[in-house]
Every structure is written in C-alpha cells, then in structure tokens.
Amino acid sequence: MALMQAGHLLAIGAELGEGPIWIDGALWFVDIKGSRIYRHVPETGALDRWDAPEFVGWVVPSAKGDLIAGLQSGPHRFSPEMGAFDRIAEIDAHLPANRLNDAAIDPAGRLFFGTMDNDEAAPSGRVFMLDAGAVSATAIHPTVITNGPAIAPGGTHLYHVDTLARTITVHAIAADGSVGPAAPFLRFTGDEGHPDGAICDAEGGVWVAFYGGWAARRYNTSGQLTDEVRFPVSNVTKIALGGPDHRTAYATTARQGLSAEALAAQPLAGDIFTFPVSIPGLPIPPANS
C-alpha cells in the first residue's frame, strides 16, 4: 500500500468545503455552509469567489456552456460571468430541512445527485437523476447523509456512500440511467472515520475522503486498500483529480463541528490540500441539461 502526506495549497477556512471538480484548467469547489463557490486556476494562482443565495453543494459543467450548481432547493443554472442562478427543478419542497449534498455525471451526461437532512438526523436523503432537464428519483434506499455518488469508467456502475452507516454500495446503471439494487462494496468499522465524498479514477479505483479520519484512501474494484493519504486536519470531505494530466489530487476539508481546542490544533482546517497520484482521473463530461 502506498502511504503519503497531503500538502497545503489554499487557505480558505471553509466551514464545510466540498464538491471539488476540475473543469477546463481550473479547480472549482464550494463551501456549503458558507454558501460560496470558488474557482482556482493553478497556472496563474487566481482565486475567484461567488456568493450563492442558498447552501450550495457542488458545481458541474453543462453542455450548454455554463455551469449547474446544486443549491439547497434544487439544481440551478449558474452563470459565472453574471453571478446569476436560475433554478432548473425544485427538489424536496416538502422537506425544508433538506439540502443537496454531492453529485457526479455519467458518460451520457446524466447528473446523479444526493439530498440529505441538514440536521443530519432524519433518513430523508435520496439520490436523484437529472437527465435532459428532467429530474427523477432513483431506487437507492433513503438515508440520512448521501455521499458520492461516484461513477465507474464507462458509466456501468454507481457507488453510493451512506456516511452514517459507514458503508459503500455499488449499483449497476442501465442504458436508460435507472439504477439497480445495492450490492455491498465496503463497510468501515469507525476507526477510519466516516466515509464522505467519493470519486472513481481511470482504472475504476474508488477514492474516498474520510470525515473525522484525517485521511483519503483509494480502493481497487475488489475493495482492497491501495493508497492512503494523511492530512494535518481531521475532516477531509472529497477529492478531485485534475491538472494537465489528471494526476494531481485536490482535496476539500471542513471546520464544521470542531471545538475551539480542535481548531487551535488544526489551524489549516477548511483549507484545500493537494497530492500526486499514479493513476489519473478522467475528464468530467458535461451534464446534458
């Protein structure tokens, strides 16, 4: 197993950093609880920020040339040039405590995203699919905190993270985008922390960030641990694989829930970290909406 240390990249101090994604030479990420969207261009060092009108879980590229942002009330079309948000669909209107949490796009451009109870108590989180502007709920069982989903290369399978249950299940994706029943993939004891955001690399390996675990870890398609990256902060939330060759990992972290004593011991909590990987990621396809 390969073991390494993550390096510090950007001082952000996010309450709940999340959703890192590599789009056209830039790293995009969000602070969910800060309702902010960020763009960092490593080549120039530029760092831009937009304020969102609601909690924002992620941004992804759209085939229409703009971005789609996962705001609390649903996916919105987002124009960085105008700083404008236009809702595509309303999600969970009957559950005002719910918000969007994580997302991934399959090769067909279908956007899979999860919801969760912002109070992290009710099992009201579902995984939805946005396909050509239409939203439908998948058959994945409701849970308190949905994470991932991660999409396997070729779009054949989806990995769903149940953070509080500390499990990851794998689901076949049919040609029409429907998601099949759960098969077990990984179960954690708790010593590792809580599994948070997950992504797949070009070989189908699954990178998982661990909230409260001080680490990100990679597992192969058989569920064997192949890589572990240690962090100087406890709450690692998700990684993205980017850079010119998609061999640079970028990780978001969080200050949320840390006591004053813990924050004093972790002054870099909420910042962005980076480390190299041997197996690259794949370019993110644009959403078809």
C-alpha atoms as a PDB file:
ATOM      1  CA  MET A   1       0.000   0.000   0.000  1.00  0.00           C
ATOM      2  CA  ALA A   2       1.241   3.480  -0.881  1.00  0.00           C
ATOM      3  CA  LEU A   3       1.281   5.963   2.008  1.00  0.00           C
ATOM      4  CA  MET A   4       1.852   9.715   1.604  1.00  0.00           C
ATOM      5  CA  GLN A   5       1.147  13.107   3.118  1.00  0.00           C
ATOM      6  CA  ALA A   6      -1.051  15.791   1.580  1.00  0.00           C
ATOM      7  CA  GLY A   7       0.425  19.238   1.005  1.00  0.00           C
ATOM      8  CA  HIS A   8      -1.287  22.525   1.786  1.00  0.00           C
ATOM      9  CA  LEU A   9      -2.485  24.509  -1.257  1.00  0.00           C
ATOM     10  CA  LEU A  10      -5.023  27.244  -0.429  1.00  0.00           C
ATOM     11  CA  ALA A  11      -6.029  28.999   2.783  1.00  0.00           C
ATOM     12  CA  ILE A  12      -9.837  29.058   2.642  1.00  0.00           C
ATOM     13  CA  GLY A  13     -11.070  28.242   6.148  1.00  0.00           C
ATOM     14  CA  ALA A  14     -14.305  26.779   4.780  1.00  0.00           C
ATOM     15  CA  GLU A  15     -16.989  25.783   7.245  1.00  0.00           C
ATOM     16  CA  LEU A  16     -17.811  22.806   5.010  1.00  0.00           C
ATOM     17  CA  GLY A  17     -15.574  22.651   1.952  1.00  0.00           C
ATOM     18  CA  GLU A  18     -16.931  20.229  -0.644  1.00  0.00           C
ATOM     19  CA  GLY A  19     -17.517  19.399  -4.304  1.00  0.00           C
ATOM     20  CA  PRO A  20     -14.012  19.791  -5.804  1.00  0.00           C
ATOM     21  CA  ILE A  21     -14.038  19.304  -9.572  1.00  0.00           C
ATOM     22  CA  TRP A  22     -11.553  20.016 -12.377  1.00  0.00           C
ATOM     23  CA  ILE A  23     -13.079  21.980 -15.274  1.00  0.00           C
ATOM     24  CA  ASP A  24     -11.077  23.482 -18.168  1.00  0.00           C
ATOM     25  CA  GLY A  25      -7.819  24.068 -16.319  1.00  0.00           C
ATOM     26  CA  ALA A  26      -9.401  25.238 -13.075  1.00  0.00           C
ATOM     27  CA  LEU A  27     -10.334  23.725  -9.736  1.00  0.00           C
ATOM     28  CA  TRP A  28     -13.887  24.543  -8.672  1.00  0.00           C
ATOM     29  CA  PHE A  29     -15.153  23.852  -5.150  1.00  0.00           C
ATOM     30  CA  VAL A  30     -17.718  25.136  -2.649  1.00  0.00           C
ATOM     31  CA  ASP A  31     -18.201  25.993   0.988  1.00  0.00           C
ATOM     32  CA  ILE A  32     -21.646  24.506   1.570  1.00  0.00           C
ATOM     33  CA  LYS A  33     -22.413  26.260   4.846  1.00  0.00           C
ATOM     34  CA  GLY A  34     -20.749  29.475   3.695  1.00  0.00           C
ATOM     35  CA  SER A  35     -22.913  29.473   0.532  1.00  0.00           C
ATOM     36  CA  ARG A  36     -19.881  30.210  -1.624  1.00  0.00           C
ATOM     37  CA  ILE A  37     -18.493  28.928  -4.911  1.00  0.00           C
ATOM     38  CA  TYR A  38     -14.757  29.139  -5.632  1.00  0.00           C
ATOM     39  CA  ARG A  39     -12.589  28.813  -8.742  1.00  0.00           C
ATOM     40  CA  HIS A  40      -8.813  28.406  -8.535  1.00  0.00           C
ATOM     41  CA  VAL A  41      -6.509  28.446 -11.569  1.00  0.00           C
ATOM     42  CA  PRO A  42      -3.228  26.793 -10.509  1.00  0.00           C
ATOM     43  CA  GLU A  43      -1.344  28.078 -13.556  1.00  0.00           C
ATOM     44  CA  THR A  44      -1.895  31.717 -12.565  1.00  0.00           C
ATOM     45  CA  GLY A  45      -2.709  31.390  -8.874  1.00  0.00           C
ATOM     46  CA  ALA A  46      -6.046  33.184  -9.392  1.00  0.00           C
ATOM     47  CA  LEU A  47      -8.794  32.555  -6.852  1.00  0.00           C
ATOM     48  CA  ASP A  48     -12.336  33.800  -7.572  1.00  0.00           C
ATOM     49  CA  ARG A  49     -15.420  33.615  -5.358  1.00  0.00           C
ATOM     50  CA  TRP A  50     -19.181  33.877  -5.863  1.00  0.00           C
ATOM     51  CA  ASP A  51     -21.849  34.123  -3.170  1.00  0.00           C
ATOM     52  CA  ALA A  52     -24.807  31.774  -3.649  1.00  0.00           C
ATOM     53  CA  PRO A  53     -28.331  32.568  -2.419  1.00  0.00           C
ATOM     54  CA  GLU A  54     -28.627  29.217  -0.607  1.00  0.00           C
ATOM     55  CA  PHE A  55     -26.425  26.419   0.697  1.00  0.00           C
ATOM     56  CA  VAL A  56     -24.527  25.086  -2.339  1.00  0.00           C
ATOM     57  CA  GLY A  57     -23.262  21.511  -2.558  1.00  0.00           C
ATOM     58  CA  TRP A  58     -21.500  21.451  -5.922  1.00  0.00           C
ATOM     59  CA  VAL A  59     -20.974  22.902  -9.383  1.00  0.00           C
ATOM     60  CA  VAL A  60     -20.585  20.853 -12.572  1.00  0.00           C
ATOM     61  CA  PRO A  61     -20.110  21.707 -16.261  1.00  0.00           C
ATOM     62  CA  SER A  62     -23.128  21.845 -18.576  1.00  0.00           C
ATOM     63  CA  ALA A  63     -23.337  21.048 -22.286  1.00  0.00           C
ATOM     64  CA  LYS A  64     -24.984  24.466 -22.655  1.00  0.00           C
ATOM     65  CA  GLY A  65     -21.640  26.097 -21.878  1.00  0.00           C
ATOM     66  CA  ASP A  66     -22.400  27.348 -18.379  1.00  0.00           C
ATOM     67  CA  LEU A  67     -22.438  25.509 -15.044  1.00  0.00           C
ATOM     68  CA  ILE A  68     -25.061  23.757 -12.957  1.00  0.00           C
ATOM     69  CA  ALA A  69     -24.975  24.440  -9.222  1.00  0.00           C
ATOM     70  CA  GLY A  70     -26.602  22.264  -6.583  1.00  0.00           C
ATOM     71  CA  LEU A  71     -28.351  24.775  -4.342  1.00  0.00           C
ATOM     72  CA  GLN A  72     -30.427  23.740  -1.342  1.00  0.00           C
ATOM     73  CA  SER A  73     -33.732  23.937  -3.212  1.00  0.00           C
ATOM     74  CA  GLY A  74     -32.522  22.125  -6.329  1.00  0.00           C
ATOM     75  CA  PRO A  75     -30.147  22.274  -9.309  1.00  0.00           C
ATOM     76  CA  HIS A  76     -29.712  25.769 -10.767  1.00  0.00           C
ATOM     77  CA  ARG A  77     -28.127  27.012 -13.948  1.00  0.00           C
ATOM     78  CA  PHE A  78     -25.181  29.194 -12.874  1.00  0.00           C
ATOM     79  CA  SER A  79     -23.531  31.913 -14.965  1.00  0.00           C
ATOM     80  CA  PRO A  80     -20.126  32.867 -13.510  1.00  0.00           C
ATOM     81  CA  GLU A  81     -19.989  35.927 -15.780  1.00  0.00           C
ATOM     82  CA  MET A  82     -23.252  37.307 -14.406  1.00  0.00           C
ATOM     83  CA  GLY A  83     -23.156  35.669 -10.981  1.00  0.00           C
ATOM     84  CA  ALA A  84     -26.741  34.617 -11.699  1.00  0.00           C
ATOM     85  CA  PHE A  85     -28.652  31.491 -10.657  1.00  0.00           C
ATOM     86  CA  ASP A  86     -31.732  30.128 -12.458  1.00  0.00           C
ATOM     87  CA  ARG A  87     -33.477  27.098 -10.962  1.00  0.00           C
ATOM     88  CA  ILE A  88     -33.898  24.072 -13.208  1.00  0.00           C
ATOM     89  CA  ALA A  89     -36.012  21.997 -10.815  1.00  0.00           C
ATOM     90  CA  GLU A  90     -37.197  22.146  -7.218  1.00  0.00           C
ATOM     91  CA  ILE A  91     -36.236  19.191  -5.018  1.00  0.00           C
ATOM     92  CA  ASP A  92     -37.790  18.125  -1.711  1.00  0.00           C
ATOM     93  CA  ALA A  93     -40.082  21.159  -1.406  1.00  0.00           C
ATOM     94  CA  HIS A  94     -41.950  19.240   1.312  1.00  0.00           C
ATOM     95  CA  LEU A  95     -38.706  18.784   3.285  1.00  0.00           C
ATOM     96  CA  PRO A  96     -37.424  22.295   4.033  1.00  0.00           C
ATOM     97  CA  ALA A  97     -34.572  20.971   6.194  1.00  0.00           C
ATOM     98  CA  ASN A  98     -33.141  19.003   3.258  1.00  0.00           C
ATOM     99  CA  ARG A  99     -30.331  20.230   1.004  1.00  0.00           C
ATOM    100  CA  LEU A 100     -28.306  18.906  -1.922  1.00  0.00           C
ATOM    101  CA  ASN A 101     -25.000  17.348  -0.919  1.00  0.00           C
ATOM    102  CA  ASP A 102     -22.923  15.647  -3.655  1.00  0.00           C
ATOM    103  CA  ALA A 103     -23.048  14.853  -7.371  1.00  0.00           C
ATOM    104  CA  ALA A 104     -21.435  13.062 -10.323  1.00  0.00           C
ATOM    105  CA  ILE A 105     -22.021  12.880 -14.094  1.00  0.00           C
ATOM    106  CA  ASP A 106     -22.016   9.681 -16.149  1.00  0.00           C
ATOM    107  CA  PRO A 107     -20.632   9.494 -19.736  1.00  0.00           C
ATOM    108  CA  ALA A 108     -24.145  10.031 -21.145  1.00  0.00           C
ATOM    109  CA  GLY A 109     -24.353  13.390 -19.363  1.00  0.00           C
ATOM    110  CA  ARG A 110     -26.831  12.256 -16.720  1.00  0.00           C
ATOM    111  CA  LEU A 111     -26.289  14.071 -13.442  1.00  0.00           C
ATOM    112  CA  PHE A 112     -26.755  11.965 -10.302  1.00  0.00           C
ATOM    113  CA  PHE A 113     -27.008  13.901  -7.043  1.00  0.00           C
ATOM    114  CA  GLY A 114     -27.990  13.264  -3.455  1.00  0.00           C
ATOM    115  CA  THR A 115     -30.004  15.105  -0.839  1.00  0.00           C
ATOM    116  CA  MET A 116     -29.723  14.965   2.941  1.00  0.00           C
ATOM    117  CA  ASP A 117     -31.193  16.312   6.152  1.00  0.00           C
ATOM    118  CA  ASN A 118     -29.156  19.392   7.014  1.00  0.00           C
ATOM    119  CA  ASP A 119     -29.572  18.475  10.707  1.00  0.00           C
ATOM    120  CA  GLU A 120     -28.093  15.030   9.972  1.00  0.00           C
ATOM    121  CA  ALA A 121     -30.912  13.248  11.807  1.00  0.00           C
ATOM    122  CA  ALA A 122     -33.798  12.224   9.515  1.00  0.00           C
ATOM    123  CA  PRO A 123     -33.415   9.475   6.856  1.00  0.00           C
ATOM    124  CA  SER A 124     -34.775  11.828   4.186  1.00  0.00           C
ATOM    125  CA  GLY A 125     -31.815  11.762   1.804  1.00  0.00           C
ATOM    126  CA  ARG A 126     -32.393  10.366  -1.695  1.00  0.00           C
ATOM    127  CA  VAL A 127     -30.330  10.045  -4.859  1.00  0.00           C
ATOM    128  CA  PHE A 128     -31.864  11.752  -7.891  1.00  0.00           C
ATOM    129  CA  MET A 129     -31.032  11.866 -11.589  1.00  0.00           C
ATOM    130  CA  LEU A 130     -31.186  14.979 -13.776  1.00  0.00           C
ATOM    131  CA  ASP A 131     -31.403  13.891 -17.422  1.00  0.00           C
ATOM    132  CA  ALA A 132     -32.055  16.404 -20.222  1.00  0.00           C
ATOM    133  CA  GLY A 133     -33.703  18.794 -17.781  1.00  0.00           C
ATOM    134  CA  ALA A 134     -35.989  16.227 -16.127  1.00  0.00           C
ATOM    135  CA  VAL A 135     -35.464  15.044 -12.526  1.00  0.00           C
ATOM    136  CA  SER A 136     -36.406  11.595 -11.247  1.00  0.00           C
ATOM    137  CA  ALA A 137     -35.672   9.760  -8.006  1.00  0.00           C
ATOM    138  CA  THR A 138     -33.507   6.646  -8.232  1.00  0.00           C
ATOM    139  CA  ALA A 139     -34.302   3.389  -6.463  1.00  0.00           C
ATOM    140  CA  ILE A 140     -31.440   3.832  -3.966  1.00  0.00           C
ATOM    141  CA  HIS A 141     -32.802   3.468  -0.442  1.00  0.00           C
ATOM    142  CA  PRO A 142     -33.263   6.711   1.552  1.00  0.00           C
ATOM    143  CA  THR A 143     -30.608   7.544   4.118  1.00  0.00           C
ATOM    144  CA  VAL A 144     -29.591  10.383   6.428  1.00  0.00           C
ATOM    145  CA  ILE A 145     -26.451  11.547   4.613  1.00  0.00           C
ATOM    146  CA  THR A 146     -25.961  10.598   0.962  1.00  0.00           C
ATOM    147  CA  ASN A 147     -22.435  10.885  -0.415  1.00  0.00           C
ATOM    148  CA  GLY A 148     -20.784  10.114  -3.658  1.00  0.00           C
ATOM    149  CA  PRO A 149     -22.241   9.114  -5.941  1.00  0.00           C
ATOM    150  CA  ALA A 150     -19.121   8.016  -7.779  1.00  0.00           C
ATOM    151  CA  ILE A 151     -19.442   6.815 -11.370  1.00  0.00           C
ATOM    152  CA  ALA A 152     -17.278   3.968 -12.681  1.00  0.00           C
ATOM    153  CA  PRO A 153     -15.434   4.445 -16.002  1.00  0.00           C
ATOM    154  CA  GLY A 154     -17.797   3.731 -18.869  1.00  0.00           C
ATOM    155  CA  GLY A 155     -20.790   4.609 -16.693  1.00  0.00           C
ATOM    156  CA  THR A 156     -21.541   0.987 -15.866  1.00  0.00           C
ATOM    157  CA  HIS A 157     -21.837   1.340 -12.113  1.00  0.00           C
ATOM    158  CA  LEU A 158     -22.562   3.889  -9.403  1.00  0.00           C
ATOM    159  CA  TYR A 159     -21.041   3.826  -5.916  1.00  0.00           C
ATOM    160  CA  HIS A 160     -23.276   5.199  -3.161  1.00  0.00           C
ATOM    161  CA  VAL A 161     -21.872   6.259   0.207  1.00  0.00           C
ATOM    162  CA  ASP A 162     -24.071   6.029   3.306  1.00  0.00           C
ATOM    163  CA  THR A 163     -21.936   8.164   5.581  1.00  0.00           C
ATOM    164  CA  LEU A 164     -23.571   7.454   8.948  1.00  0.00           C
ATOM    165  CA  ALA A 165     -23.894   3.708   8.278  1.00  0.00           C
ATOM    166  CA  ARG A 166     -20.218   3.742   7.165  1.00  0.00           C
ATOM    167  CA  THR A 167     -21.000   1.679   4.070  1.00  0.00           C
ATOM    168  CA  ILE A 168     -20.485   1.956   0.318  1.00  0.00           C
ATOM    169  CA  THR A 169     -22.733   0.015  -2.033  1.00  0.00           C
ATOM    170  CA  VAL A 170     -22.378  -0.476  -5.777  1.00  0.00           C
ATOM    171  CA  HIS A 171     -25.296  -0.299  -8.221  1.00  0.00           C
ATOM    172  CA  ALA A 172     -25.484  -1.171 -11.919  1.00  0.00           C
ATOM    173  CA  ILE A 173     -26.595   1.663 -14.220  1.00  0.00           C
ATOM    174  CA  ALA A 174     -28.902   0.522 -17.034  1.00  0.00           C
ATOM    175  CA  ALA A 175     -28.891   2.016 -20.516  1.00  0.00           C
ATOM    176  CA  ASP A 176     -31.798   4.306 -19.590  1.00  0.00           C
ATOM    177  CA  GLY A 177     -29.981   5.558 -16.484  1.00  0.00           C
ATOM    178  CA  SER A 178     -32.035   3.587 -13.986  1.00  0.00           C
ATOM    179  CA  VAL A 179     -30.047   2.392 -11.004  1.00  0.00           C
ATOM    180  CA  GLY A 180     -30.118  -1.241  -9.915  1.00  0.00           C
ATOM    181  CA  PRO A 181     -30.247  -2.791  -6.453  1.00  0.00           C
ATOM    182  CA  ALA A 182     -27.443  -2.384  -3.951  1.00  0.00           C
ATOM    183  CA  ALA A 183     -24.555  -4.822  -3.718  1.00  0.00           C
ATOM    184  CA  PRO A 184     -22.080  -4.454  -0.840  1.00  0.00           C
ATOM    185  CA  PHE A 185     -18.712  -2.904  -1.682  1.00  0.00           C
ATOM    186  CA  LEU A 186     -17.119  -1.572   1.517  1.00  0.00           C
ATOM    187  CA  ARG A 187     -18.034  -1.425   5.193  1.00  0.00           C
ATOM    188  CA  PHE A 188     -15.956   0.503   7.718  1.00  0.00           C
ATOM    189  CA  THR A 189     -15.540  -0.099  11.440  1.00  0.00           C
ATOM    190  CA  GLY A 190     -15.378   3.536  12.519  1.00  0.00           C
ATOM    191  CA  ASP A 191     -11.638   3.648  13.229  1.00  0.00           C
ATOM    192  CA  GLU A 192     -11.197   5.113   9.735  1.00  0.00           C
ATOM    193  CA  GLY A 193     -13.662   7.959  10.333  1.00  0.00           C
ATOM    194  CA  HIS A 194     -16.864   8.439   8.333  1.00  0.00           C
ATOM    195  CA  PRO A 195     -16.699   7.869   4.560  1.00  0.00           C
ATOM    196  CA  ASP A 196     -17.560  11.124   2.810  1.00  0.00           C
ATOM    197  CA  GLY A 197     -17.195  12.159  -0.844  1.00  0.00           C
ATOM    198  CA  ALA A 198     -16.057   9.532  -3.359  1.00  0.00           C
ATOM    199  CA  ILE A 199     -14.816   9.532  -6.958  1.00  0.00           C
ATOM    200  CA  CYS A 200     -13.505   6.948  -9.441  1.00  0.00           C
ATOM    201  CA  ASP A 201     -10.201   7.135 -11.319  1.00  0.00           C
ATOM    202  CA  ALA A 202      -9.376   5.860 -14.820  1.00  0.00           C
ATOM    203  CA  GLU A 203      -8.857   2.275 -13.588  1.00  0.00           C
ATOM    204  CA  GLY A 204     -12.114   2.228 -11.637  1.00  0.00           C
ATOM    205  CA  GLY A 205     -10.387   2.704  -8.302  1.00  0.00           C
ATOM    206  CA  VAL A 206     -12.526   4.495  -5.728  1.00  0.00           C
ATOM    207  CA  TRP A 207     -11.027   7.404  -3.796  1.00  0.00           C
ATOM    208  CA  VAL A 208     -12.889   8.063  -0.536  1.00  0.00           C
ATOM    209  CA  ALA A 209     -12.411  11.050   1.775  1.00  0.00           C
ATOM    210  CA  PHE A 210     -12.897  10.372   5.491  1.00  0.00           C
ATOM    211  CA  TYR A 211     -14.619  12.911   7.718  1.00  0.00           C
ATOM    212  CA  GLY A 212     -13.045  12.696  11.141  1.00  0.00           C
ATOM    213  CA  GLY A 213     -10.475  10.286   9.718  1.00  0.00           C
ATOM    214  CA  TRP A 214      -7.531  12.578   8.844  1.00  0.00           C
ATOM    215  CA  ALA A 215      -7.174  10.787   5.502  1.00  0.00           C
ATOM    216  CA  ALA A 216      -8.264   9.958   1.974  1.00  0.00           C
ATOM    217  CA  ARG A 217      -7.966   6.374   0.772  1.00  0.00           C
ATOM    218  CA  ARG A 218      -8.116   4.561  -2.571  1.00  0.00           C
ATOM    219  CA  TYR A 219      -9.667   1.116  -3.007  1.00  0.00           C
ATOM    220  CA  ASN A 220      -9.459  -1.036  -6.125  1.00  0.00           C
ATOM    221  CA  THR A 221     -12.514  -2.605  -7.741  1.00  0.00           C
ATOM    222  CA  SER A 222     -12.168  -5.604  -5.411  1.00  0.00           C
ATOM    223  CA  GLY A 223     -12.360  -3.330  -2.376  1.00  0.00           C
ATOM    224  CA  GLN A 224      -8.697  -3.670  -1.436  1.00  0.00           C
ATOM    225  CA  LEU A 225      -6.944  -0.619   0.035  1.00  0.00           C
ATOM    226  CA  THR A 226      -4.166   0.523  -2.323  1.00  0.00           C
ATOM    227  CA  ASP A 227      -3.317   4.084  -1.225  1.00  0.00           C
ATOM    228  CA  GLU A 228      -3.664   6.191   1.901  1.00  0.00           C
ATOM    229  CA  VAL A 229      -3.008   9.930   2.141  1.00  0.00           C
ATOM    230  CA  ARG A 230      -2.739  11.517   5.585  1.00  0.00           C
ATOM    231  CA  PHE A 231      -3.789  15.107   6.326  1.00  0.00           C
ATOM    232  CA  PRO A 232      -2.972  17.574   9.113  1.00  0.00           C
ATOM    233  CA  VAL A 233      -6.728  18.152   9.535  1.00  0.00           C
ATOM    234  CA  SER A 234      -9.379  15.680  10.600  1.00  0.00           C
ATOM    235  CA  ASN A 235     -12.351  16.445   8.348  1.00  0.00           C
ATOM    236  CA  VAL A 236     -11.471  15.514   4.768  1.00  0.00           C
ATOM    237  CA  THR A 237     -14.576  15.775   2.580  1.00  0.00           C
ATOM    238  CA  LYS A 238     -13.786  14.948  -1.066  1.00  0.00           C
ATOM    239  CA  ILE A 239     -11.025  14.898  -3.694  1.00  0.00           C
ATOM    240  CA  ALA A 240     -10.836  15.745  -7.382  1.00  0.00           C
ATOM    241  CA  LEU A 241      -8.253  14.513  -9.889  1.00  0.00           C
ATOM    242  CA  GLY A 242      -7.052  17.321 -12.148  1.00  0.00           C
ATOM    243  CA  GLY A 243      -4.056  19.115 -13.540  1.00  0.00           C
ATOM    244  CA  PRO A 244      -2.859  18.811 -17.154  1.00  0.00           C
ATOM    245  CA  ASP A 245      -2.608  15.010 -16.925  1.00  0.00           C
ATOM    246  CA  HIS A 246      -5.301  14.452 -14.264  1.00  0.00           C
ATOM    247  CA  ARG A 247      -2.636  13.115 -11.889  1.00  0.00           C
ATOM    248  CA  THR A 248      -2.923  15.888  -9.295  1.00  0.00           C
ATOM    249  CA  ALA A 249      -5.395  15.347  -6.481  1.00  0.00           C
ATOM    250  CA  TYR A 250      -7.112  18.284  -4.806  1.00  0.00           C
ATOM    251  CA  ALA A 251      -8.933  17.820  -1.503  1.00  0.00           C
ATOM    252  CA  THR A 252     -11.518  19.894   0.333  1.00  0.00           C
ATOM    253  CA  THR A 253     -11.764  19.900   4.122  1.00  0.00           C
ATOM    254  CA  ALA A 254     -14.066  21.334   6.816  1.00  0.00           C
ATOM    255  CA  ARG A 255     -14.006  23.256  10.089  1.00  0.00           C
ATOM    256  CA  GLN A 256     -17.588  22.263  10.878  1.00  0.00           C
ATOM    257  CA  GLY A 257     -18.108  20.651  14.256  1.00  0.00           C
ATOM    258  CA  LEU A 258     -14.598  21.271  15.559  1.00  0.00           C
ATOM    259  CA  SER A 259     -14.241  22.712  19.040  1.00  0.00           C
ATOM    260  CA  ALA A 260     -12.130  25.785  19.760  1.00  0.00           C
ATOM    261  CA  GLU A 261      -9.452  23.456  21.108  1.00  0.00           C
ATOM    262  CA  ALA A 262      -9.545  21.298  17.975  1.00  0.00           C
ATOM    263  CA  LEU A 263      -9.386  24.355  15.710  1.00  0.00           C
ATOM    264  CA  ALA A 264      -6.341  25.606  17.603  1.00  0.00           C
ATOM    265  CA  ALA A 265      -4.680  22.238  16.961  1.00  0.00           C
ATOM    266  CA  GLN A 266      -5.829  22.229  13.303  1.00  0.00           C
ATOM    267  CA  PRO A 267      -5.275  25.789  12.026  1.00  0.00           C
ATOM    268  CA  LEU A 268      -5.492  24.580   8.406  1.00  0.00           C
ATOM    269  CA  ALA A 269      -8.961  23.033   8.808  1.00  0.00           C
ATOM    270  CA  GLY A 270     -11.242  24.098   5.966  1.00  0.00           C
ATOM    271  CA  ASP A 271      -8.358  24.658   3.551  1.00  0.00           C
ATOM    272  CA  ILE A 272      -7.504  22.986   0.224  1.00  0.00           C
ATOM    273  CA  PHE A 273      -4.798  20.326   0.001  1.00  0.00           C
ATOM    274  CA  THR A 274      -3.063  18.517  -2.844  1.00  0.00           C
ATOM    275  CA  PHE A 275      -1.032  15.390  -3.582  1.00  0.00           C
ATOM    276  CA  PRO A 276       0.128  13.462  -6.683  1.00  0.00           C
ATOM    277  CA  VAL A 277      -1.441  10.197  -7.835  1.00  0.00           C
ATOM    278  CA  SER A 278      -0.038   7.500 -10.100  1.00  0.00           C
ATOM    279  CA  ILE A 279      -3.363   6.561 -11.711  1.00  0.00           C
ATOM    280  CA  PRO A 280      -5.051   9.527 -13.395  1.00  0.00           C
ATOM    281  CA  GLY A 281      -8.618  10.641 -13.253  1.00  0.00           C
ATOM    282  CA  LEU A 282     -10.845  11.078 -16.275  1.00  0.00           C
ATOM    283  CA  PRO A 283     -12.153  14.356 -17.744  1.00  0.00           C
ATOM    284  CA  ILE A 284     -15.569  15.276 -16.378  1.00  0.00           C
ATOM    285  CA  PRO A 285     -18.265  15.047 -19.094  1.00  0.00           C
ATOM    286  CA  PRO A 286     -20.726  17.958 -19.196  1.00  0.00           C
ATOM    287  CA  ALA A 287     -24.250  17.458 -17.923  1.00  0.00           C
ATOM    288  CA  ASN A 288     -26.801  17.142 -20.726  1.00  0.00           C
ATOM    289  CA  SER A 289     -29.118  19.705 -19.099  1.00  0.00           C
END
